PDB file of N, CA and C in Angstrom:
ATOM      1  N   UNK A   1     -10.341  55.405 -36.221  1.00  0.00           N
ATOM      2  CA  UNK A   1     -10.370  54.281 -34.702  1.00  0.00           C
ATOM      3  C   UNK A   1     -11.532  53.647 -35.485  1.00  0.00           C
ATOM      4  N   UNK A   2     -11.278  52.332 -35.939  1.00  0.00           N
ATOM      5  CA  UNK A   2     -12.105  51.022 -36.192  1.00  0.00           C
ATOM      6  C   UNK A   2     -13.545  50.981 -34.469  1.00  0.00           C
ATOM      7  N   UNK A   3     -14.257  50.761 -34.980  1.00  0.00           N
ATOM      8  CA  UNK A   3     -14.995  50.659 -34.154  1.00  0.00           C
ATOM      9  C   UNK A   3     -14.858  49.218 -32.942  1.00  0.00           C
ATOM     10  N   UNK A   4     -14.169  48.090 -33.574  1.00  0.00           N
ATOM     11  CA  UNK A   4     -13.630  46.989 -32.544  1.00  0.00           C
ATOM     12  C   UNK A   4     -12.187  48.064 -31.966  1.00  0.00           C
ATOM     13  N   UNK A   5     -11.355  48.682 -32.336  1.00  0.00           N
ATOM     14  CA  UNK A   5     -10.505  49.361 -31.349  1.00  0.00           C
ATOM     15  C   UNK A   5     -11.145  49.978 -30.082  1.00  0.00           C
ATOM     16  N   UNK A   6     -11.957  50.635 -30.213  1.00  0.00           N
ATOM     17  CA  UNK A   6     -13.001  51.405 -29.611  1.00  0.00           C
ATOM     18  C   UNK A   6     -13.687  50.439 -28.624  1.00  0.00           C
ATOM     19  N   UNK A   7     -14.125  49.660 -28.938  1.00  0.00           N
ATOM     20  CA  UNK A   7     -14.734  48.155 -27.634  1.00  0.00           C
ATOM     21  C   UNK A   7     -13.814  47.834 -26.895  1.00  0.00           C
ATOM     22  N   UNK A   8     -12.526  47.731 -27.471  1.00  0.00           N
ATOM     23  CA  UNK A   8     -11.616  46.771 -26.874  1.00  0.00           C
ATOM     24  C   UNK A   8     -11.293  47.791 -25.717  1.00  0.00           C
ATOM     25  N   UNK A   9     -11.059  49.012 -26.288  1.00  0.00           N
ATOM     26  CA  UNK A   9     -10.419  49.844 -25.234  1.00  0.00           C
ATOM     27  C   UNK A   9     -11.171  50.497 -24.200  1.00  0.00           C
ATOM     28  N   UNK A  10     -12.817  50.432 -24.570  1.00  0.00           N
ATOM     29  CA  UNK A  10     -13.961  50.577 -23.243  1.00  0.00           C
ATOM     30  C   UNK A  10     -13.502  49.338 -22.268  1.00  0.00           C
ATOM     31  N   UNK A  11     -13.461  47.874 -22.750  1.00  0.00           N
ATOM     32  CA  UNK A  11     -13.471  46.964 -22.056  1.00  0.00           C
ATOM     33  C   UNK A  11     -12.719  47.061 -21.298  1.00  0.00           C
ATOM     34  N   UNK A  12     -11.290  47.144 -22.196  1.00  0.00           N
ATOM     35  CA  UNK A  12     -10.014  47.457 -20.943  1.00  0.00           C
ATOM     36  C   UNK A  12     -10.383  48.528 -20.057  1.00  0.00           C
ATOM     37  N   UNK A  13     -10.680  49.625 -19.782  1.00  0.00           N
ATOM     38  CA  UNK A  13     -11.022  50.629 -19.165  1.00  0.00           C
ATOM     39  C   UNK A  13     -11.798  50.077 -18.015  1.00  0.00           C
ATOM     40  N   UNK A  14     -12.680  49.804 -18.759  1.00  0.00           N
ATOM     41  CA  UNK A  14     -14.043  48.717 -17.909  1.00  0.00           C
ATOM     42  C   UNK A  14     -13.317  48.092 -16.654  1.00  0.00           C
ATOM     43  N   UNK A  15     -12.863  47.430 -17.194  1.00  0.00           N
ATOM     44  CA  UNK A  15     -11.774  45.619 -16.598  1.00  0.00           C
ATOM     45  C   UNK A  15     -10.863  46.848 -15.334  1.00  0.00           C
ATOM     46  N   UNK A  16     -10.261  47.630 -16.070  1.00  0.00           N
ATOM     47  CA  UNK A  16      -8.866  48.151 -14.938  1.00  0.00           C
ATOM     48  C   UNK A  16      -9.755  48.798 -14.076  1.00  0.00           C
ATOM     49  N   UNK A  17     -11.072  49.830 -14.115  1.00  0.00           N
ATOM     50  CA  UNK A  17     -11.813  50.318 -13.079  1.00  0.00           C
ATOM     51  C   UNK A  17     -11.981  49.825 -12.172  1.00  0.00           C
ATOM     52  N   UNK A  18     -12.693  48.672 -12.509  1.00  0.00           N
ATOM     53  CA  UNK A  18     -13.416  47.612 -11.897  1.00  0.00           C
ATOM     54  C   UNK A  18     -11.881  46.937 -10.560  1.00  0.00           C
ATOM     55  N   UNK A  19     -11.529  46.760 -11.330  1.00  0.00           N
ATOM     56  CA  UNK A  19     -10.516  46.447 -10.540  1.00  0.00           C
ATOM     57  C   UNK A  19      -9.436  47.137  -9.623  1.00  0.00           C
ATOM     58  N   UNK A  20      -9.231  48.340  -9.888  1.00  0.00           N
ATOM     59  CA  UNK A  20      -9.499  49.673  -8.849  1.00  0.00           C
ATOM     60  C   UNK A  20     -10.518  49.614  -7.911  1.00  0.00           C
ATOM     61  N   UNK A  21     -11.307  49.403  -8.376  1.00  0.00           N
ATOM     62  CA  UNK A  21     -12.560  49.872  -7.009  1.00  0.00           C
ATOM     63  C   UNK A  21     -12.357  48.518  -6.225  1.00  0.00           C
ATOM     64  N   UNK A  22     -12.115  47.132  -6.882  1.00  0.00           N
ATOM     65  CA  UNK A  22     -11.908  46.222  -5.880  1.00  0.00           C
ATOM     66  C   UNK A  22     -10.827  46.575  -4.446  1.00  0.00           C
ATOM     67  N   UNK A  23      -9.566  46.839  -5.214  1.00  0.00           N
ATOM     68  CA  UNK A  23      -8.881  47.093  -4.548  1.00  0.00           C
ATOM     69  C   UNK A  23      -8.900  47.947  -3.383  1.00  0.00           C
ATOM     70  N   UNK A  24      -9.554  48.860  -3.937  1.00  0.00           N
ATOM     71  CA  UNK A  24      -9.840  50.104  -2.829  1.00  0.00           C
ATOM     72  C   UNK A  24     -10.336  49.484  -1.492  1.00  0.00           C
ATOM     73  N   UNK A  25     -11.462  48.728  -2.256  1.00  0.00           N
ATOM     74  CA  UNK A  25     -12.599  48.261  -1.310  1.00  0.00           C
ATOM     75  C   UNK A  25     -11.990  47.212  -0.170  1.00  0.00           C
ATOM     76  N   UNK A  26     -10.665  46.877  -0.735  1.00  0.00           N
ATOM     77  CA  UNK A  26      -9.960  45.707  -0.307  1.00  0.00           C
ATOM     78  C   UNK A  26      -8.708  46.467   0.831  1.00  0.00           C
ATOM     79  N   UNK A  27      -8.460  47.537   0.204  1.00  0.00           N
ATOM     80  CA  UNK A  27      -7.841  48.447   1.074  1.00  0.00           C
ATOM     81  C   UNK A  27      -8.633  49.056   2.500  1.00  0.00           C
ATOM     82  N   UNK A  28      -9.503  49.336   1.958  1.00  0.00           N
ATOM     83  CA  UNK A  28     -10.527  49.787   3.012  1.00  0.00           C
ATOM     84  C   UNK A  28     -10.742  48.533   4.454  1.00  0.00           C
ATOM     85  N   UNK A  29     -11.110  47.815   3.698  1.00  0.00           N
ATOM     86  CA  UNK A  29     -11.452  46.011   4.599  1.00  0.00           C
ATOM     87  C   UNK A  29     -10.394  46.633   5.674  1.00  0.00           C
ATOM     88  N   UNK A  30      -9.056  46.285   5.082  1.00  0.00           N
ATOM     89  CA  UNK A  30      -8.141  45.597   5.874  1.00  0.00           C
ATOM     90  C   UNK A  30      -7.380  46.754   6.428  1.00  0.00           C
ATOM     91  N   UNK A  31      -7.645  48.076   6.388  1.00  0.00           N
ATOM     92  CA  UNK A  31      -7.120  49.327   7.376  1.00  0.00           C
ATOM     93  C   UNK A  31      -8.759  49.258   8.311  1.00  0.00           C
ATOM     94  N   UNK A  32     -10.067  48.635   8.024  1.00  0.00           N
ATOM     95  CA  UNK A  32     -11.319  48.604   9.256  1.00  0.00           C
ATOM     96  C   UNK A  32     -10.871  47.557   9.879  1.00  0.00           C
ATOM     97  N   UNK A  33     -10.177  46.656   9.231  1.00  0.00           N
ATOM     98  CA  UNK A  33      -9.497  45.318  10.020  1.00  0.00           C
ATOM     99  C   UNK A  33      -8.187  45.722  11.303  1.00  0.00           C
ATOM    100  N   UNK A  34      -7.589  46.236  11.093  1.00  0.00           N
ATOM    101  CA  UNK A  34      -6.373  46.730  11.529  1.00  0.00           C
ATOM    102  C   UNK A  34      -6.781  47.736  12.369  1.00  0.00           C
ATOM    103  N   UNK A  35      -7.488  48.338  12.447  1.00  0.00           N
ATOM    104  CA  UNK A  35      -7.968  49.991  13.447  1.00  0.00           C
ATOM    105  C   UNK A  35      -8.944  48.880  14.392  1.00  0.00           C
ATOM    106  N   UNK A  36      -9.997  48.338  14.306  1.00  0.00           N
ATOM    107  CA  UNK A  36     -10.854  47.404  15.023  1.00  0.00           C
ATOM    108  C   UNK A  36      -9.945  46.330  15.939  1.00  0.00           C
ATOM    109  N   UNK A  37      -8.561  45.570  15.358  1.00  0.00           N
ATOM    110  CA  UNK A  37      -7.717  44.524  15.950  1.00  0.00           C
ATOM    111  C   UNK A  37      -7.044  45.793  17.290  1.00  0.00           C
ATOM    112  N   UNK A  38      -6.806  46.832  16.620  1.00  0.00           N
ATOM    113  CA  UNK A  38      -5.910  47.701  17.337  1.00  0.00           C
ATOM    114  C   UNK A  38      -6.749  48.679  19.036  1.00  0.00           C
ATOM    115  N   UNK A  39      -7.841  48.562  18.475  1.00  0.00           N
ATOM    116  CA  UNK A  39      -9.018  48.807  19.690  1.00  0.00           C
ATOM    117  C   UNK A  39      -9.306  47.452  20.187  1.00  0.00           C
ATOM    118  N   UNK A  40      -9.528  46.592  19.480  1.00  0.00           N
ATOM    119  CA  UNK A  40     -10.105  45.266  20.504  1.00  0.00           C
ATOM    120  C   UNK A  40      -8.430  45.178  22.070  1.00  0.00           C
ATOM    121  N   UNK A  41      -7.365  45.195  21.265  1.00  0.00           N
ATOM    122  CA  UNK A  41      -6.140  44.840  21.802  1.00  0.00           C
ATOM    123  C   UNK A  41      -5.698  45.814  22.756  1.00  0.00           C
ATOM    124  N   UNK A  42      -5.816  47.286  22.566  1.00  0.00           N
ATOM    125  CA  UNK A  42      -6.361  48.280  23.666  1.00  0.00           C
ATOM    126  C   UNK A  42      -6.985  48.084  24.868  1.00  0.00           C
ATOM    127  N   UNK A  43      -8.294  47.655  24.410  1.00  0.00           N
ATOM    128  CA  UNK A  43      -8.933  47.375  25.699  1.00  0.00           C
ATOM    129  C   UNK A  43      -8.720  45.772  26.181  1.00  0.00           C
ATOM    130  N   UNK A  44      -8.120  45.130  25.954  1.00  0.00           N
ATOM    131  CA  UNK A  44      -7.569  43.598  26.060  1.00  0.00           C
ATOM    132  C   UNK A  44      -6.823  44.287  27.687  1.00  0.00           C
ATOM    133  N   UNK A  45      -5.902  44.989  27.230  1.00  0.00           N
ATOM    134  CA  UNK A  45      -4.889  45.465  27.989  1.00  0.00           C
ATOM    135  C   UNK A  45      -4.935  46.076  28.985  1.00  0.00           C
ATOM    136  N   UNK A  46      -6.102  46.854  29.299  1.00  0.00           N
ATOM    137  CA  UNK A  46      -6.922  47.982  29.587  1.00  0.00           C
ATOM    138  C   UNK A  46      -7.439  47.014  30.863  1.00  0.00           C
ATOM    139  N   UNK A  47      -8.216  45.932  30.275  1.00  0.00           N
ATOM    140  CA  UNK A  47      -8.806  44.695  31.108  1.00  0.00           C
ATOM    141  C   UNK A  47      -8.050  44.232  32.193  1.00  0.00           C
ATOM    142  N   UNK A  48      -6.999  43.896  31.222  1.00  0.00           N
ATOM    143  CA  UNK A  48      -5.697  43.003  31.562  1.00  0.00           C
ATOM    144  C   UNK A  48      -5.411  44.143  33.124  1.00  0.00           C
ATOM    145  N   UNK A  49      -4.644  45.337  33.053  1.00  0.00           N
ATOM    146  CA  UNK A  49      -4.528  46.060  33.607  1.00  0.00           C
ATOM    147  C   UNK A  49      -5.619  46.766  35.068  1.00  0.00           C
ATOM    148  N   UNK A  50      -7.093  46.073  34.944  1.00  0.00           N
ATOM    149  CA  UNK A  50      -8.031  46.252  36.050  1.00  0.00           C
ATOM    150  C   UNK A  50      -7.526  45.266  36.603  1.00  0.00           C
ATOM    151  N   UNK A  51      -7.369  43.728  36.006  1.00  0.00           N
ATOM    152  CA  UNK A  51      -8.000  42.709  36.981  1.00  0.00           C
ATOM    153  C   UNK A  51      -6.581  42.346  37.703  1.00  0.00           C
ATOM    154  N   UNK A  52      -5.602  43.133  37.044  1.00  0.00           N
ATOM    155  CA  UNK A  52      -4.367  42.810  37.892  1.00  0.00           C
ATOM    156  C   UNK A  52      -4.250  43.363  39.526  1.00  0.00           C
ATOM    157  N   UNK A  53      -4.906  44.612  39.092  1.00  0.00           N
ATOM    158  CA  UNK A  53      -5.091  45.618  40.219  1.00  0.00           C
ATOM    159  C   UNK A  53      -6.132  44.938  41.079  1.00  0.00           C
ATOM    160  N   UNK A  54      -7.145  44.409  40.530  1.00  0.00           N
ATOM    161  CA  UNK A  54      -7.911  43.551  41.520  1.00  0.00           C
ATOM    162  C   UNK A  54      -7.495  42.381  42.270  1.00  0.00           C
ATOM    163  N   UNK A  55      -6.199  41.911  41.814  1.00  0.00           N
ATOM    164  CA  UNK A  55      -5.692  40.474  42.325  1.00  0.00           C
ATOM    165  C   UNK A  55      -4.952  40.825  43.193  1.00  0.00           C
ATOM    166  N   UNK A  56      -4.232  42.091  43.111  1.00  0.00           N
ATOM    167  CA  UNK A  56      -3.028  42.790  43.966  1.00  0.00           C
ATOM    168  C   UNK A  56      -3.716  42.932  44.960  1.00  0.00           C
ATOM    169  N   UNK A  57      -4.981  43.764  45.141  1.00  0.00           N
ATOM    170  CA  UNK A  57      -5.507  43.937  46.215  1.00  0.00           C
ATOM    171  C   UNK A  57      -6.296  43.053  47.098  1.00  0.00           C
ATOM    172  N   UNK A  58      -6.622  41.837  46.080  1.00  0.00           N
ATOM    173  CA  UNK A  58      -7.301  40.630  47.051  1.00  0.00           C
ATOM    174  C   UNK A  58      -5.877  40.005  47.576  1.00  0.00           C
ATOM    175  N   UNK A  59      -5.045  40.044  47.233  1.00  0.00           N
ATOM    176  CA  UNK A  59      -3.347  39.572  47.590  1.00  0.00           C
ATOM    177  C   UNK A  59      -3.477  40.140  48.865  1.00  0.00           C
ATOM    178  N   UNK A  60      -3.837  41.204  49.213  1.00  0.00           N
ATOM    179  CA  UNK A  60      -3.630  41.714  50.249  1.00  0.00           C
ATOM    180  C   UNK A  60      -4.486  41.148  51.014  1.00  0.00           C
ATOM    181  N   UNK A  61      -5.737  40.651  50.873  1.00  0.00           N
ATOM    182  CA  UNK A  61      -6.277  40.493  52.139  1.00  0.00           C
ATOM    183  C   UNK A  61      -6.550  38.886  52.110  1.00  0.00           C
ATOM    184  N   UNK A  62      -5.375  38.279  51.834  1.00  0.00           N
ATOM    185  CA  UNK A  62      -5.448  36.888  51.443  1.00  0.00           C
ATOM    186  C   UNK A  62      -3.855  36.685  52.246  1.00  0.00           C
ATOM    187  N   UNK A  63      -3.085  37.462  51.807  1.00  0.00           N
ATOM    188  CA  UNK A  63      -1.660  36.996  52.427  1.00  0.00           C
ATOM    189  C   UNK A  63      -1.405  38.327  53.423  1.00  0.00           C
ATOM    190  N   UNK A  64      -2.263  39.689  54.086  1.00  0.00           N
ATOM    191  CA  UNK A  64      -1.709  40.643  54.789  1.00  0.00           C
ATOM    192  C   UNK A  64      -2.188  39.948  56.186  1.00  0.00           C
ATOM    193  N   UNK A  65      -1.680  40.925  57.265  1.00  0.00           N
ATOM    194  CA  UNK A  65      -1.718  41.304  58.446  1.00  0.00           C
ATOM    195  C   UNK A  65      -3.216  41.378  58.888  1.00  0.00           C
ATOM    196  N   UNK A  66      -3.680  40.977  60.195  1.00  0.00           N
ATOM    197  CA  UNK A  66      -5.299  41.608  60.411  1.00  0.00           C
ATOM    198  C   UNK A  66      -4.786  43.341  60.386  1.00  0.00           C
ATOM    199  N   UNK A  67      -4.054  44.326  60.496  1.00  0.00           N
ATOM    200  CA  UNK A  67      -4.699  45.496  59.768  1.00  0.00           C
ATOM    201  C   UNK A  67      -4.157  45.452  58.990  1.00  0.00           C
ATOM    202  N   UNK A  68      -3.937  44.575  57.904  1.00  0.00           N
ATOM    203  CA  UNK A  68      -3.774  44.793  56.468  1.00  0.00           C
ATOM    204  C   UNK A  68      -5.139  44.567  55.491  1.00  0.00           C
ATOM    205  N   UNK A  69      -5.577  43.432  56.347  1.00  0.00           N
ATOM    206  CA  UNK A  69      -7.199  43.408  55.934  1.00  0.00           C
ATOM    207  C   UNK A  69      -8.064  44.391  56.495  1.00  0.00           C
ATOM    208  N   UNK A  70      -7.960  44.764  57.415  1.00  0.00           N
ATOM    209  CA  UNK A  70      -8.895  46.016  57.630  1.00  0.00           C
ATOM    210  C   UNK A  70      -8.786  46.377  56.732  1.00  0.00           C
ATOM    211  N   UNK A  71      -7.695  47.553  56.395  1.00  0.00           N
ATOM    212  CA  UNK A  71      -7.270  48.412  55.474  1.00  0.00           C
ATOM    213  C   UNK A  71      -7.779  47.567  54.204  1.00  0.00           C
ATOM    214  N   UNK A  72      -7.636  46.459  53.885  1.00  0.00           N
ATOM    215  CA  UNK A  72      -8.123  46.421  52.190  1.00  0.00           C
ATOM    216  C   UNK A  72      -9.273  46.330  52.297  1.00  0.00           C
ATOM    217  N   UNK A  73      -9.912  45.550  53.350  1.00  0.00           N
ATOM    218  CA  UNK A  73     -11.497  45.393  53.265  1.00  0.00           C
ATOM    219  C   UNK A  73     -12.214  46.761  53.318  1.00  0.00           C
ATOM    220  N   UNK A  74     -11.695  47.826  53.762  1.00  0.00           N
ATOM    221  CA  UNK A  74     -12.016  49.482  53.196  1.00  0.00           C
ATOM    222  C   UNK A  74     -11.918  49.564  52.102  1.00  0.00           C
ATOM    223  N   UNK A  75     -10.847  49.338  51.887  1.00  0.00           N
ATOM    224  CA  UNK A  75     -10.730  49.412  49.881  1.00  0.00           C
ATOM    225  C   UNK A  75     -11.291  47.997  49.249  1.00  0.00           C
ATOM    226  N   UNK A  76     -12.430  48.085  49.403  1.00  0.00           N
ATOM    227  CA  UNK A  76     -13.403  47.395  48.815  1.00  0.00           C
ATOM    228  C   UNK A  76     -14.065  47.630  47.867  1.00  0.00           C
ATOM    229  N   UNK A  77     -14.767  48.654  47.379  1.00  0.00           N
ATOM    230  CA  UNK A  77     -14.996  49.598  46.845  1.00  0.00           C
ATOM    231  C   UNK A  77     -14.034  49.966  45.268  1.00  0.00           C
ATOM    232  N   UNK A  78     -12.625  49.957  45.947  1.00  0.00           N
ATOM    233  CA  UNK A  78     -11.915  50.167  44.803  1.00  0.00           C
ATOM    234  C   UNK A  78     -11.639  48.521  44.181  1.00  0.00           C
ATOM    235  N   UNK A  79     -11.742  47.376  44.520  1.00  0.00           N
ATOM    236  CA  UNK A  79     -11.842  46.640  44.055  1.00  0.00           C
ATOM    237  C   UNK A  79     -13.043  46.463  42.683  1.00  0.00           C
ATOM    238  N   UNK A  80     -14.113  46.572  43.696  1.00  0.00           N
ATOM    239  CA  UNK A  80     -15.073  46.983  42.930  1.00  0.00           C
ATOM    240  C   UNK A  80     -15.037  48.078  41.227  1.00  0.00           C
ATOM    241  N   UNK A  81     -14.463  48.833  41.626  1.00  0.00           N
ATOM    242  CA  UNK A  81     -14.440  49.853  40.865  1.00  0.00           C
ATOM    243  C   UNK A  81     -13.506  49.321  39.466  1.00  0.00           C
ATOM    244  N   UNK A  82     -12.245  48.357  39.900  1.00  0.00           N
ATOM    245  CA  UNK A  82     -11.728  48.104  39.183  1.00  0.00           C
ATOM    246  C   UNK A  82     -11.919  46.726  38.082  1.00  0.00           C
ATOM    247  N   UNK A  83     -13.126  46.532  39.022  1.00  0.00           N
ATOM    248  CA  UNK A  83     -13.526  44.800  38.665  1.00  0.00           C
ATOM    249  C   UNK A  83     -14.649  45.501  37.384  1.00  0.00           C
ATOM    250  N   UNK A  84     -15.884  46.874  37.444  1.00  0.00           N
ATOM    251  CA  UNK A  84     -16.469  46.843  36.933  1.00  0.00           C
ATOM    252  C   UNK A  84     -15.621  47.524  35.946  1.00  0.00           C
ATOM    253  N   UNK A  85     -14.512  48.027  36.154  1.00  0.00           N
ATOM    254  CA  UNK A  85     -13.459  48.673  34.966  1.00  0.00           C
ATOM    255  C   UNK A  85     -13.529  47.900  33.587  1.00  0.00           C
ATOM    256  N   UNK A  86     -13.147  46.624  33.986  1.00  0.00           N
ATOM    257  CA  UNK A  86     -12.396  45.775  33.399  1.00  0.00           C
ATOM    258  C   UNK A  86     -13.682  45.058  32.591  1.00  0.00           C
ATOM    259  N   UNK A  87     -14.883  44.753  33.220  1.00  0.00           N
ATOM    260  CA  UNK A  87     -15.903  44.330  32.923  1.00  0.00           C
ATOM    261  C   UNK A  87     -16.493  45.296  31.473  1.00  0.00           C
ATOM    262  N   UNK A  88     -16.288  46.695  31.338  1.00  0.00           N
ATOM    263  CA  UNK A  88     -16.806  47.456  30.332  1.00  0.00           C
ATOM    264  C   UNK A  88     -16.033  47.450  29.900  1.00  0.00           C
ATOM    265  N   UNK A  89     -14.480  47.348  29.667  1.00  0.00           N
ATOM    266  CA  UNK A  89     -13.746  47.795  28.666  1.00  0.00           C
ATOM    267  C   UNK A  89     -13.560  46.036  27.514  1.00  0.00           C
ATOM    268  N   UNK A  90     -14.237  44.823  27.759  1.00  0.00           N
ATOM    269  CA  UNK A  90     -14.948  43.691  27.253  1.00  0.00           C
ATOM    270  C   UNK A  90     -16.047  43.668  26.731  1.00  0.00           C
ATOM    271  N   UNK A  91     -16.680  44.831  27.270  1.00  0.00           N
ATOM    272  CA  UNK A  91     -18.130  44.824  27.098  1.00  0.00           C
ATOM    273  C   UNK A  91     -18.189  45.826  25.403  1.00  0.00           C
ATOM    274  N   UNK A  92     -19.382  45.630  24.610  1.00  0.00           N
ATOM    275  CA  UNK A  92     -19.097  46.078  23.204  1.00  0.00           C
ATOM    276  C   UNK A  92     -19.217  45.481  22.415  1.00  0.00           C
ATOM    277  N   UNK A  93     -19.849  46.128  20.859  1.00  0.00           N
ATOM    278  CA  UNK A  93     -19.817  45.077  19.172  1.00  0.00           C
ATOM    279  C   UNK A  93     -18.612  44.424  19.000  1.00  0.00           C
ATOM    280  N   UNK A  94     -17.275  45.099  19.000  1.00  0.00           N
ATOM    281  CA  UNK A  94     -15.568  44.661  19.187  1.00  0.00           C
ATOM    282  C   UNK A  94     -16.189  43.289  19.500  1.00  0.00           C
ATOM    283  N   UNK A  95     -16.051  43.191  20.556  1.00  0.00           N
ATOM    284  CA  UNK A  95     -16.421  42.429  21.812  1.00  0.00           C
ATOM    285  C   UNK A  95     -17.084  41.283  21.403  1.00  0.00           C
ATOM    286  N   UNK A  96     -18.295  41.492  21.059  1.00  0.00           N
ATOM    287  CA  UNK A  96     -19.340  40.484  20.790  1.00  0.00           C
ATOM    288  C   UNK A  96     -19.072  40.270  19.382  1.00  0.00           C
ATOM    289  N   UNK A  97     -18.406  40.982  18.523  1.00  0.00           N
ATOM    290  CA  UNK A  97     -18.159  40.070  17.118  1.00  0.00           C
ATOM    291  C   UNK A  97     -16.800  39.314  16.979  1.00  0.00           C
ATOM    292  N   UNK A  98     -15.872  39.506  18.060  1.00  0.00           N
ATOM    293  CA  UNK A  98     -15.016  38.663  18.114  1.00  0.00           C
ATOM    294  C   UNK A  98     -15.033  37.502  18.556  1.00  0.00           C
ATOM    295  N   UNK A  99     -16.433  37.244  19.861  1.00  0.00           N
ATOM    296  CA  UNK A  99     -16.907  36.464  20.358  1.00  0.00           C
ATOM    297  C   UNK A  99     -17.256  35.308  19.135  1.00  0.00           C
ATOM    298  N   UNK A 100     -17.378  35.940  18.006  1.00  0.00           N
ATOM    299  CA  UNK A 100     -18.099  35.063  17.010  1.00  0.00           C
ATOM    300  C   UNK A 100     -17.064  34.736  15.986  1.00  0.00           C
ATOM    301  N   UNK A 101     -15.742  34.881  15.940  1.00  0.00           N
ATOM    302  CA  UNK A 101     -14.893  34.690  14.982  1.00  0.00           C
ATOM    303  C   UNK A 101     -14.230  33.057  15.322  1.00  0.00           C
ATOM    304  N   UNK A 102     -14.163  32.231  14.257  1.00  0.00           N
ATOM    305  CA  UNK A 102     -14.069  30.860  14.441  1.00  0.00           C
ATOM    306  C   UNK A 102     -12.672  30.426  15.155  1.00  0.00           C
ATOM    307  N   UNK A 103     -11.910  31.049  15.231  1.00  0.00           N
ATOM    308  CA  UNK A 103     -10.445  30.844  15.841  1.00  0.00           C
ATOM    309  C   UNK A 103     -10.473  31.385  17.584  1.00  0.00           C
ATOM    310  N   UNK A 104     -10.703  31.801  17.835  1.00  0.00           N
ATOM    311  CA  UNK A 104     -10.286  33.026  19.093  1.00  0.00           C
ATOM    312  C   UNK A 104     -11.858  33.094  19.596  1.00  0.00           C
ATOM    313  N   UNK A 105     -13.281  33.130  18.982  1.00  0.00           N
ATOM    314  CA  UNK A 105     -14.191  33.204  19.586  1.00  0.00           C
ATOM    315  C   UNK A 105     -14.352  32.375  21.527  1.00  0.00           C
ATOM    316  N   UNK A 106     -14.180  31.314  21.353  1.00  0.00           N
ATOM    317  CA  UNK A 106     -14.330  30.497  22.366  1.00  0.00           C
ATOM    318  C   UNK A 106     -13.345  31.248  23.737  1.00  0.00           C
ATOM    319  N   UNK A 107     -12.455  31.603  23.577  1.00  0.00           N
ATOM    320  CA  UNK A 107     -11.298  32.206  24.434  1.00  0.00           C
ATOM    321  C   UNK A 107     -12.282  33.719  24.983  1.00  0.00           C
ATOM    322  N   UNK A 108     -12.303  34.321  23.325  1.00  0.00           N
ATOM    323  CA  UNK A 108     -12.873  35.275  24.235  1.00  0.00           C
ATOM    324  C   UNK A 108     -14.319  35.579  24.849  1.00  0.00           C
ATOM    325  N   UNK A 109     -14.984  34.488  24.564  1.00  0.00           N
ATOM    326  CA  UNK A 109     -16.313  34.341  25.365  1.00  0.00           C
ATOM    327  C   UNK A 109     -16.200  34.060  26.471  1.00  0.00           C
ATOM    328  N   UNK A 110     -15.130  32.907  26.984  1.00  0.00           N
ATOM    329  CA  UNK A 110     -14.530  32.616  28.458  1.00  0.00           C
ATOM    330  C   UNK A 110     -14.195  33.692  29.231  1.00  0.00           C
ATOM    331  N   UNK A 111     -12.736  34.619  28.766  1.00  0.00           N
ATOM    332  CA  UNK A 111     -12.286  35.845  28.842  1.00  0.00           C
ATOM    333  C   UNK A 111     -13.608  36.685  29.315  1.00  0.00           C
ATOM    334  N   UNK A 112     -14.595  36.747  28.524  1.00  0.00           N
ATOM    335  CA  UNK A 112     -15.955  37.655  28.693  1.00  0.00           C
ATOM    336  C   UNK A 112     -16.292  37.213  30.563  1.00  0.00           C
ATOM    337  N   UNK A 113     -16.901  36.044  30.013  1.00  0.00           N
ATOM    338  CA  UNK A 113     -17.503  34.960  31.522  1.00  0.00           C
ATOM    339  C   UNK A 113     -16.900  35.323  32.902  1.00  0.00           C
ATOM    340  N   UNK A 114     -15.660  35.071  32.237  1.00  0.00           N
ATOM    341  CA  UNK A 114     -14.466  35.434  34.010  1.00  0.00           C
ATOM    342  C   UNK A 114     -14.792  36.864  34.164  1.00  0.00           C
ATOM    343  N   UNK A 115     -14.468  37.592  33.280  1.00  0.00           N
ATOM    344  CA  UNK A 115     -14.912  38.517  33.485  1.00  0.00           C
ATOM    345  C   UNK A 115     -16.086  38.929  34.199  1.00  0.00           C
ATOM    346  N   UNK A 116     -16.615  38.760  33.959  1.00  0.00           N
ATOM    347  CA  UNK A 116     -17.975  39.216  34.142  1.00  0.00           C
ATOM    348  C   UNK A 116     -18.402  39.112  35.687  1.00  0.00           C
ATOM    349  N   UNK A 117     -18.066  37.054  36.191  1.00  0.00           N
ATOM    350  CA  UNK A 117     -18.294  36.413  37.235  1.00  0.00           C
ATOM    351  C   UNK A 117     -17.160  37.264  38.467  1.00  0.00           C
ATOM    352  N   UNK A 118     -15.660  37.893  37.875  1.00  0.00           N
ATOM    353  CA  UNK A 118     -15.370  38.552  38.619  1.00  0.00           C
ATOM    354  C   UNK A 118     -16.093  39.996  39.049  1.00  0.00           C
ATOM    355  N   UNK A 119     -16.071  40.449  38.361  1.00  0.00           N
ATOM    356  CA  UNK A 119     -17.454  41.555  38.818  1.00  0.00           C
ATOM    357  C   UNK A 119     -18.348  40.984  39.283  1.00  0.00           C
ATOM    358  N   UNK A 120     -18.741  40.071  39.243  1.00  0.00           N
ATOM    359  CA  UNK A 120     -20.386  40.158  40.493  1.00  0.00           C
ATOM    360  C   UNK A 120     -19.795  39.714  41.771  1.00  0.00           C
ATOM    361  N   UNK A 121     -18.865  38.876  41.707  1.00  0.00           N
ATOM    362  CA  UNK A 121     -18.197  38.672  42.877  1.00  0.00           C
ATOM    363  C   UNK A 121     -17.879  39.863  43.306  1.00  0.00           C
ATOM    364  N   UNK A 122     -17.216  40.319  43.077  1.00  0.00           N
ATOM    365  CA  UNK A 122     -16.586  42.011  43.544  1.00  0.00           C
ATOM    366  C   UNK A 122     -17.357  42.636  44.146  1.00  0.00           C
TER     367      UNK A 122
END
């Protein structure tokens, strides 16, 4: 085989191998992004459920009879627990990273601030 043909073959193999490595890295990055997005979604839905529990318990205090209010006030620890759980759901590195994203970062920061305020208030 002429030396020119071997050089072309080696170059072709190097280019192919480099493209395969780049493709593999893209697949790994896409999988990591998908997994992270799924974790963010699950924690957001969990925080939403906890906040719904807080709102429902607070409605009893606002709209209920005197007996309902006394019972609800005795359950303040439940409201505190749910608010703290919601705050815990939106804490962590993924949420901090999401706060820095260009399109949704402001909304994420606002949601985290609101949940922190609810937790402080409870």
